[in-house]
Amino acid sequence: MPGLNRIVLVLIALSLVFVAHPQRSPAEDTETETGTDIVVAIREAAEKGDAVAQFLVGWMYAEGKGVAKDEAEAVKWF
């Protein structure tokens, strides 16, 4: 089931973004390489037109998870 595999991968990526990027102030910016790799991979998939990845990028900007919080950028991706 290709659809199920994709959903599982998205859930794993999303959970890793939560773990790798807890809420923190800009002064505490201590990104991990794993978290950065996940954000980059999701962003690349979004730029290639993957609708699920586009939603995730929008969500990351809306919540400030893995990227700086930017509501205008979130709207673009949603």
PDB file of N, CA and C in Angstrom:
ATOM      1  N   MET A   1       0.834  -1.184   0.000  1.00  0.00           N
ATOM      2  CA  MET A   1       0.000   0.000   0.000  1.00  0.00           C
ATOM      3  C   MET A   1       0.881   1.251   0.000  1.00  0.00           C
ATOM      4  N   PRO A   2       1.112   1.830  -1.162  1.00  0.00           N
ATOM      5  CA  PRO A   2       1.968   3.020  -1.235  1.00  0.00           C
ATOM      6  C   PRO A   2       1.449   4.176  -0.403  1.00  0.00           C
ATOM      7  N   GLY A   3       0.146   4.366  -0.349  1.00  0.00           N
ATOM      8  CA  GLY A   3      -0.423   5.463   0.428  1.00  0.00           C
ATOM      9  C   GLY A   3      -0.138   5.321   1.907  1.00  0.00           C
ATOM     10  N   LEU A   4      -0.223   4.101   2.407  1.00  0.00           N
ATOM     11  CA  LEU A   4       0.028   3.853   3.819  1.00  0.00           C
ATOM     12  C   LEU A   4       1.494   4.105   4.149  1.00  0.00           C
ATOM     13  N   ASN A   5       2.407   3.681   3.283  1.00  0.00           N
ATOM     14  CA  ASN A   5       3.831   3.925   3.506  1.00  0.00           C
ATOM     15  C   ASN A   5       4.119   5.415   3.583  1.00  0.00           C
ATOM     16  N   ARG A   6       3.491   6.184   2.725  1.00  0.00           N
ATOM     17  CA  ARG A   6       3.699   7.632   2.711  1.00  0.00           C
ATOM     18  C   ARG A   6       3.191   8.268   3.999  1.00  0.00           C
ATOM     19  N   ILE A   7       2.043   7.815   4.472  1.00  0.00           N
ATOM     20  CA  ILE A   7       1.480   8.348   5.711  1.00  0.00           C
ATOM     21  C   ILE A   7       2.403   8.029   6.880  1.00  0.00           C
ATOM     22  N   VAL A   8       2.919   6.808   6.932  1.00  0.00           N
ATOM     23  CA  VAL A   8       3.825   6.416   8.006  1.00  0.00           C
ATOM     24  C   VAL A   8       5.085   7.279   7.979  1.00  0.00           C
ATOM     25  N   LEU A   9       5.649   7.493   6.784  1.00  0.00           N
ATOM     26  CA  LEU A   9       6.846   8.323   6.675  1.00  0.00           C
ATOM     27  C   LEU A   9       6.581   9.756   7.126  1.00  0.00           C
ATOM     28  N   VAL A  10       5.432  10.303   6.759  1.00  0.00           N
ATOM     29  CA  VAL A  10       5.082  11.662   7.169  1.00  0.00           C
ATOM     30  C   VAL A  10       4.950  11.738   8.689  1.00  0.00           C
ATOM     31  N   LEU A  11       4.319  10.748   9.282  1.00  0.00           N
ATOM     32  CA  LEU A  11       4.163  10.757  10.739  1.00  0.00           C
ATOM     33  C   LEU A  11       5.508  10.640  11.449  1.00  0.00           C
ATOM     34  N   ILE A  12       6.402   9.832  10.909  1.00  0.00           N
ATOM     35  CA  ILE A  12       7.735   9.712  11.496  1.00  0.00           C
ATOM     36  C   ILE A  12       8.476  11.043  11.375  1.00  0.00           C
ATOM     37  N   ALA A  13       8.424  11.647  10.187  1.00  0.00           N
ATOM     38  CA  ALA A  13       9.104  12.932   9.981  1.00  0.00           C
ATOM     39  C   ALA A  13       8.538  13.992  10.917  1.00  0.00           C
ATOM     40  N   LEU A  14       7.238  14.031  11.031  1.00  0.00           N
ATOM     41  CA  LEU A  14       6.597  15.020  11.885  1.00  0.00           C
ATOM     42  C   LEU A  14       6.983  14.824  13.346  1.00  0.00           C
ATOM     43  N   SER A  15       7.028  13.578  13.791  1.00  0.00           N
ATOM     44  CA  SER A  15       7.411  13.327  15.186  1.00  0.00           C
ATOM     45  C   SER A  15       8.867  13.712  15.426  1.00  0.00           C
ATOM     46  N   LEU A  16       9.737  13.491  14.439  1.00  0.00           N
ATOM     47  CA  LEU A  16      11.134  13.875  14.594  1.00  0.00           C
ATOM     48  C   LEU A  16      11.303  15.386  14.627  1.00  0.00           C
ATOM     49  N   VAL A  17      10.477  16.106  13.873  1.00  0.00           N
ATOM     50  CA  VAL A  17      10.531  17.564  13.920  1.00  0.00           C
ATOM     51  C   VAL A  17      10.162  18.038  15.323  1.00  0.00           C
ATOM     52  N   PHE A  18       9.148  17.412  15.929  1.00  0.00           N
ATOM     53  CA  PHE A  18       8.768  17.779  17.290  1.00  0.00           C
ATOM     54  C   PHE A  18       9.905  17.521  18.260  1.00  0.00           C
ATOM     55  N   VAL A  19      10.552  16.372  18.160  1.00  0.00           N
ATOM     56  CA  VAL A  19      11.613  16.010  19.085  1.00  0.00           C
ATOM     57  C   VAL A  19      12.850  16.878  18.862  1.00  0.00           C
ATOM     58  N   ALA A  20      13.207  17.082  17.604  1.00  0.00           N
ATOM     59  CA  ALA A  20      14.430  17.810  17.290  1.00  0.00           C
ATOM     60  C   ALA A  20      14.292  19.315  17.504  1.00  0.00           C
ATOM     61  N   HIS A  21      13.066  19.822  17.485  1.00  0.00           N
ATOM     62  CA  HIS A  21      12.869  21.261  17.559  1.00  0.00           C
ATOM     63  C   HIS A  21      11.782  21.641  18.559  1.00  0.00           C
ATOM     64  N   PRO A  22      12.046  21.443  19.833  1.00  0.00           N
ATOM     65  CA  PRO A  22      11.056  21.899  20.816  1.00  0.00           C
ATOM     66  C   PRO A  22      10.981  23.419  20.797  1.00  0.00           C
ATOM     67  N   GLN A  23       9.913  23.955  21.339  1.00  0.00           N
ATOM     68  CA  GLN A  23       9.782  25.414  21.406  1.00  0.00           C
ATOM     69  C   GLN A  23      10.981  25.983  22.148  1.00  0.00           C
ATOM     70  N   ARG A  24      11.613  26.969  21.574  1.00  0.00           N
ATOM     71  CA  ARG A  24      12.751  27.617  22.205  1.00  0.00           C
ATOM     72  C   ARG A  24      12.844  29.042  21.711  1.00  0.00           C
ATOM     73  N   SER A  25      13.563  29.825  22.439  1.00  0.00           N
ATOM     74  CA  SER A  25      13.738  31.208  22.023  1.00  0.00           C
ATOM     75  C   SER A  25      14.838  31.267  20.966  1.00  0.00           C
ATOM     76  N   PRO A  26      14.866  32.321  20.136  1.00  0.00           N
ATOM     77  CA  PRO A  26      15.920  32.445  19.124  1.00  0.00           C
ATOM     78  C   PRO A  26      17.322  32.408  19.722  1.00  0.00           C
ATOM     79  N   ALA A  27      17.472  32.860  20.955  1.00  0.00           N
ATOM     80  CA  ALA A  27      18.785  32.848  21.600  1.00  0.00           C
ATOM     81  C   ALA A  27      19.249  31.428  21.909  1.00  0.00           C
ATOM     82  N   GLU A  28      18.310  30.494  21.954  1.00  0.00           N
ATOM     83  CA  GLU A  28      18.636  29.103  22.261  1.00  0.00           C
ATOM     84  C   GLU A  28      18.725  28.244  21.009  1.00  0.00           C
ATOM     85  N   ASP A  29      18.999  28.832  19.876  1.00  0.00           N
ATOM     86  CA  ASP A  29      19.008  28.116  18.607  1.00  0.00           C
ATOM     87  C   ASP A  29      20.121  27.075  18.576  1.00  0.00           C
ATOM     88  N   THR A  30      19.750  25.834  18.845  1.00  0.00           N
ATOM     89  CA  THR A  30      20.721  24.743  18.869  1.00  0.00           C
ATOM     90  C   THR A  30      20.193  23.596  18.029  1.00  0.00           C
ATOM     91  N   GLU A  31      20.076  23.809  16.719  1.00  0.00           N
ATOM     92  CA  GLU A  31      19.535  22.780  15.839  1.00  0.00           C
ATOM     93  C   GLU A  31      20.432  21.554  15.829  1.00  0.00           C
ATOM     94  N   THR A  32      19.776  20.393  15.722  1.00  0.00           N
ATOM     95  CA  THR A  32      20.528  19.158  15.570  1.00  0.00           C
ATOM     96  C   THR A  32      20.618  18.847  14.088  1.00  0.00           C
ATOM     97  N   GLU A  33      21.620  18.101  13.697  1.00  0.00           N
ATOM     98  CA  GLU A  33      21.780  17.765  12.283  1.00  0.00           C
ATOM     99  C   GLU A  33      20.600  16.930  11.788  1.00  0.00           C
ATOM    100  N   THR A  34      20.114  16.010  12.606  1.00  0.00           N
ATOM    101  CA  THR A  34      18.984  15.173  12.210  1.00  0.00           C
ATOM    102  C   THR A  34      17.755  16.018  11.953  1.00  0.00           C
ATOM    103  N   GLY A  35      17.452  16.945  12.845  1.00  0.00           N
ATOM    104  CA  GLY A  35      16.294  17.807  12.669  1.00  0.00           C
ATOM    105  C   GLY A  35      16.412  18.649  11.424  1.00  0.00           C
ATOM    106  N   THR A  36      17.588  19.175  11.173  1.00  0.00           N
ATOM    107  CA  THR A  36      17.820  19.987   9.983  1.00  0.00           C
ATOM    108  C   THR A  36      17.640  19.161   8.720  1.00  0.00           C
ATOM    109  N   ASP A  37      18.152  17.929   8.718  1.00  0.00           N
ATOM    110  CA  ASP A  37      18.018  17.046   7.556  1.00  0.00           C
ATOM    111  C   ASP A  37      16.550  16.773   7.241  1.00  0.00           C
ATOM    112  N   ILE A  38      15.746  16.590   8.267  1.00  0.00           N
ATOM    113  CA  ILE A  38      14.325  16.311   8.071  1.00  0.00           C
ATOM    114  C   ILE A  38      13.628  17.522   7.486  1.00  0.00           C
ATOM    115  N   VAL A  39      13.908  18.688   8.021  1.00  0.00           N
ATOM    116  CA  VAL A  39      13.300  19.917   7.518  1.00  0.00           C
ATOM    117  C   VAL A  39      13.679  20.119   6.050  1.00  0.00           C
ATOM    118  N   VAL A  40      14.949  19.904   5.723  1.00  0.00           N
ATOM    119  CA  VAL A  40      15.419  20.057   4.336  1.00  0.00           C
ATOM    120  C   VAL A  40      14.711  19.063   3.425  1.00  0.00           C
ATOM    121  N   ALA A  41      14.586  17.814   3.858  1.00  0.00           N
ATOM    122  CA  ALA A  41      13.942  16.789   3.033  1.00  0.00           C
ATOM    123  C   ALA A  41      12.476  17.119   2.790  1.00  0.00           C
ATOM    124  N   ILE A  42      11.791  17.574   3.820  1.00  0.00           N
ATOM    125  CA  ILE A  42      10.377  17.933   3.661  1.00  0.00           C
ATOM    126  C   ILE A  42      10.250  19.134   2.736  1.00  0.00           C
ATOM    127  N   ARG A  43      11.113  20.117   2.907  1.00  0.00           N
ATOM    128  CA  ARG A  43      11.077  21.318   2.064  1.00  0.00           C
ATOM    129  C   ARG A  43      11.341  20.963   0.598  1.00  0.00           C
ATOM    130  N   GLU A  44      12.319  20.075   0.345  1.00  0.00           N
ATOM    131  CA  GLU A  44      12.623  19.665  -1.030  1.00  0.00           C
ATOM    132  C   GLU A  44      11.435  18.960  -1.673  1.00  0.00           C
ATOM    133  N   ALA A  45      10.787  18.085  -0.925  1.00  0.00           N
ATOM    134  CA  ALA A  45       9.602  17.396  -1.444  1.00  0.00           C
ATOM    135  C   ALA A  45       8.489  18.398  -1.725  1.00  0.00           C
ATOM    136  N   ALA A  46       8.325  19.384  -0.849  1.00  0.00           N
ATOM    137  CA  ALA A  46       7.300  20.412  -1.047  1.00  0.00           C
ATOM    138  C   ALA A  46       7.571  21.222  -2.307  1.00  0.00           C
ATOM    139  N   GLU A  47       8.834  21.567  -2.527  1.00  0.00           N
ATOM    140  CA  GLU A  47       9.196  22.353  -3.709  1.00  0.00           C
ATOM    141  C   GLU A  47       8.986  21.568  -5.009  1.00  0.00           C
ATOM    142  N   LYS A  48       8.980  20.244  -4.904  1.00  0.00           N
ATOM    143  CA  LYS A  48       8.734  19.393  -6.080  1.00  0.00           C
ATOM    144  C   LYS A  48       7.244  19.142  -6.299  1.00  0.00           C
ATOM    145  N   GLY A  49       6.413  19.730  -5.421  1.00  0.00           N
ATOM    146  CA  GLY A  49       4.970  19.636  -5.625  1.00  0.00           C
ATOM    147  C   GLY A  49       4.242  18.624  -4.769  1.00  0.00           C
ATOM    148  N   ASP A  50       4.904  17.989  -3.818  1.00  0.00           N
ATOM    149  CA  ASP A  50       4.252  17.018  -2.945  1.00  0.00           C
ATOM    150  C   ASP A  50       3.300  17.758  -2.009  1.00  0.00           C
ATOM    151  N   ALA A  51       2.005  17.483  -2.152  1.00  0.00           N
ATOM    152  CA  ALA A  51       0.987  18.210  -1.395  1.00  0.00           C
ATOM    153  C   ALA A  51       1.102  17.985   0.107  1.00  0.00           C
ATOM    154  N   VAL A  52       1.414  16.776   0.537  1.00  0.00           N
ATOM    155  CA  VAL A  52       1.553  16.497   1.969  1.00  0.00           C
ATOM    156  C   VAL A  52       2.745  17.264   2.522  1.00  0.00           C
ATOM    157  N   ALA A  53       3.850  17.261   1.793  1.00  0.00           N
ATOM    158  CA  ALA A  53       5.038  18.000   2.228  1.00  0.00           C
ATOM    159  C   ALA A  53       4.761  19.498   2.258  1.00  0.00           C
ATOM    160  N   GLN A  54       3.987  19.993   1.302  1.00  0.00           N
ATOM    161  CA  GLN A  54       3.642  21.412   1.287  1.00  0.00           C
ATOM    162  C   GLN A  54       2.847  21.777   2.532  1.00  0.00           C
ATOM    163  N   PHE A  55       1.918  20.915   2.911  1.00  0.00           N
ATOM    164  CA  PHE A  55       1.153  21.149   4.133  1.00  0.00           C
ATOM    165  C   PHE A  55       2.079  21.155   5.340  1.00  0.00           C
ATOM    166  N   LEU A  56       3.012  20.191   5.395  1.00  0.00           N
ATOM    167  CA  LEU A  56       3.933  20.119   6.524  1.00  0.00           C
ATOM    168  C   LEU A  56       4.814  21.358   6.614  1.00  0.00           C
ATOM    169  N   VAL A  57       5.284  21.851   5.486  1.00  0.00           N
ATOM    170  CA  VAL A  57       6.099  23.070   5.494  1.00  0.00           C
ATOM    171  C   VAL A  57       5.258  24.240   6.008  1.00  0.00           C
ATOM    172  N   GLY A  58       4.028  24.337   5.546  1.00  0.00           N
ATOM    173  CA  GLY A  58       3.129  25.382   6.042  1.00  0.00           C
ATOM    174  C   GLY A  58       2.925  25.279   7.538  1.00  0.00           C
ATOM    175  N   TRP A  59       2.719  24.067   8.010  1.00  0.00           N
ATOM    176  CA  TRP A  59       2.530  23.842   9.442  1.00  0.00           C
ATOM    177  C   TRP A  59       3.783  24.222  10.220  1.00  0.00           C
ATOM    178  N   MET A  60       4.968  23.833   9.695  1.00  0.00           N
ATOM    179  CA  MET A  60       6.210  24.154  10.387  1.00  0.00           C
ATOM    180  C   MET A  60       6.384  25.673  10.528  1.00  0.00           C
ATOM    181  N   TYR A  61       6.067  26.404   9.466  1.00  0.00           N
ATOM    182  CA  TYR A  61       6.169  27.875   9.547  1.00  0.00           C
ATOM    183  C   TYR A  61       5.104  28.443  10.481  1.00  0.00           C
ATOM    184  N   ALA A  62       3.914  27.894  10.455  1.00  0.00           N
ATOM    185  CA  ALA A  62       2.840  28.399  11.316  1.00  0.00           C
ATOM    186  C   ALA A  62       3.159  28.195  12.790  1.00  0.00           C
ATOM    187  N   GLU A  63       3.797  27.071  13.115  1.00  0.00           N
ATOM    188  CA  GLU A  63       4.089  26.742  14.505  1.00  0.00           C
ATOM    189  C   GLU A  63       5.517  27.076  14.928  1.00  0.00           C
ATOM    190  N   GLY A  64       6.376  27.393  13.976  1.00  0.00           N
ATOM    191  CA  GLY A  64       7.771  27.656  14.315  1.00  0.00           C
ATOM    192  C   GLY A  64       8.527  26.391  14.677  1.00  0.00           C
ATOM    193  N   LYS A  65       8.171  25.282  14.050  1.00  0.00           N
ATOM    194  CA  LYS A  65       8.822  23.995  14.313  1.00  0.00           C
ATOM    195  C   LYS A  65       9.879  23.733  13.248  1.00  0.00           C
ATOM    196  N   GLY A  66      11.135  23.823  13.617  1.00  0.00           N
ATOM    197  CA  GLY A  66      12.231  23.560  12.693  1.00  0.00           C
ATOM    198  C   GLY A  66      12.621  24.745  11.838  1.00  0.00           C
ATOM    199  N   VAL A  67      11.804  25.767  11.865  1.00  0.00           N
ATOM    200  CA  VAL A  67      12.054  27.005  11.115  1.00  0.00           C
ATOM    201  C   VAL A  67      11.565  28.168  11.974  1.00  0.00           C
ATOM    202  N   ALA A  68      11.975  29.371  11.605  1.00  0.00           N
ATOM    203  CA  ALA A  68      11.470  30.546  12.317  1.00  0.00           C
ATOM    204  C   ALA A  68       9.978  30.699  12.034  1.00  0.00           C
ATOM    205  N   LYS A  69       9.216  31.021  13.048  1.00  0.00           N
ATOM    206  CA  LYS A  69       7.772  31.195  12.885  1.00  0.00           C
ATOM    207  C   LYS A  69       7.516  32.355  11.933  1.00  0.00           C
ATOM    208  N   ASP A  70       6.707  32.096  10.892  1.00  0.00           N
ATOM    209  CA  ASP A  70       6.426  33.102   9.864  1.00  0.00           C
ATOM    210  C   ASP A  70       5.052  32.793   9.274  1.00  0.00           C
ATOM    211  N   GLU A  71       4.039  33.488   9.756  1.00  0.00           N
ATOM    212  CA  GLU A  71       2.671  33.206   9.341  1.00  0.00           C
ATOM    213  C   GLU A  71       2.436  33.485   7.856  1.00  0.00           C
ATOM    214  N   ALA A  72       3.073  34.504   7.313  1.00  0.00           N
ATOM    215  CA  ALA A  72       2.915  34.806   5.887  1.00  0.00           C
ATOM    216  C   ALA A  72       3.478  33.667   5.033  1.00  0.00           C
ATOM    217  N   GLU A  73       4.625  33.142   5.431  1.00  0.00           N
ATOM    218  CA  GLU A  73       5.230  32.022   4.697  1.00  0.00           C
ATOM    219  C   GLU A  73       4.359  30.771   4.846  1.00  0.00           C
ATOM    220  N   ALA A  74       3.773  30.576   6.020  1.00  0.00           N
ATOM    221  CA  ALA A  74       2.890  29.432   6.243  1.00  0.00           C
ATOM    222  C   ALA A  74       1.712  29.478   5.276  1.00  0.00           C
ATOM    223  N   VAL A  75       1.122  30.647   5.120  1.00  0.00           N
ATOM    224  CA  VAL A  75      -0.030  30.806   4.219  1.00  0.00           C
ATOM    225  C   VAL A  75       0.365  30.440   2.787  1.00  0.00           C
ATOM    226  N   LYS A  76       1.554  30.833   2.364  1.00  0.00           N
ATOM    227  CA  LYS A  76       2.015  30.491   1.011  1.00  0.00           C
ATOM    228  C   LYS A  76       2.033  28.985   0.798  1.00  0.00           C
ATOM    229  N   TRP A  77       2.497  28.246   1.797  1.00  0.00           N
ATOM    230  CA  TRP A  77       2.618  26.789   1.655  1.00  0.00           C
ATOM    231  C   TRP A  77       1.275  26.102   1.807  1.00  0.00           C
ATOM    232  N   PHE A  78       0.375  26.646   2.621  1.00  0.00           N
ATOM    233  CA  PHE A  78      -0.949  26.040   2.754  1.00  0.00           C
ATOM    234  C   PHE A  78      -1.722  26.226   1.462  1.00  0.00           C
TER     235      PHE A  78
END
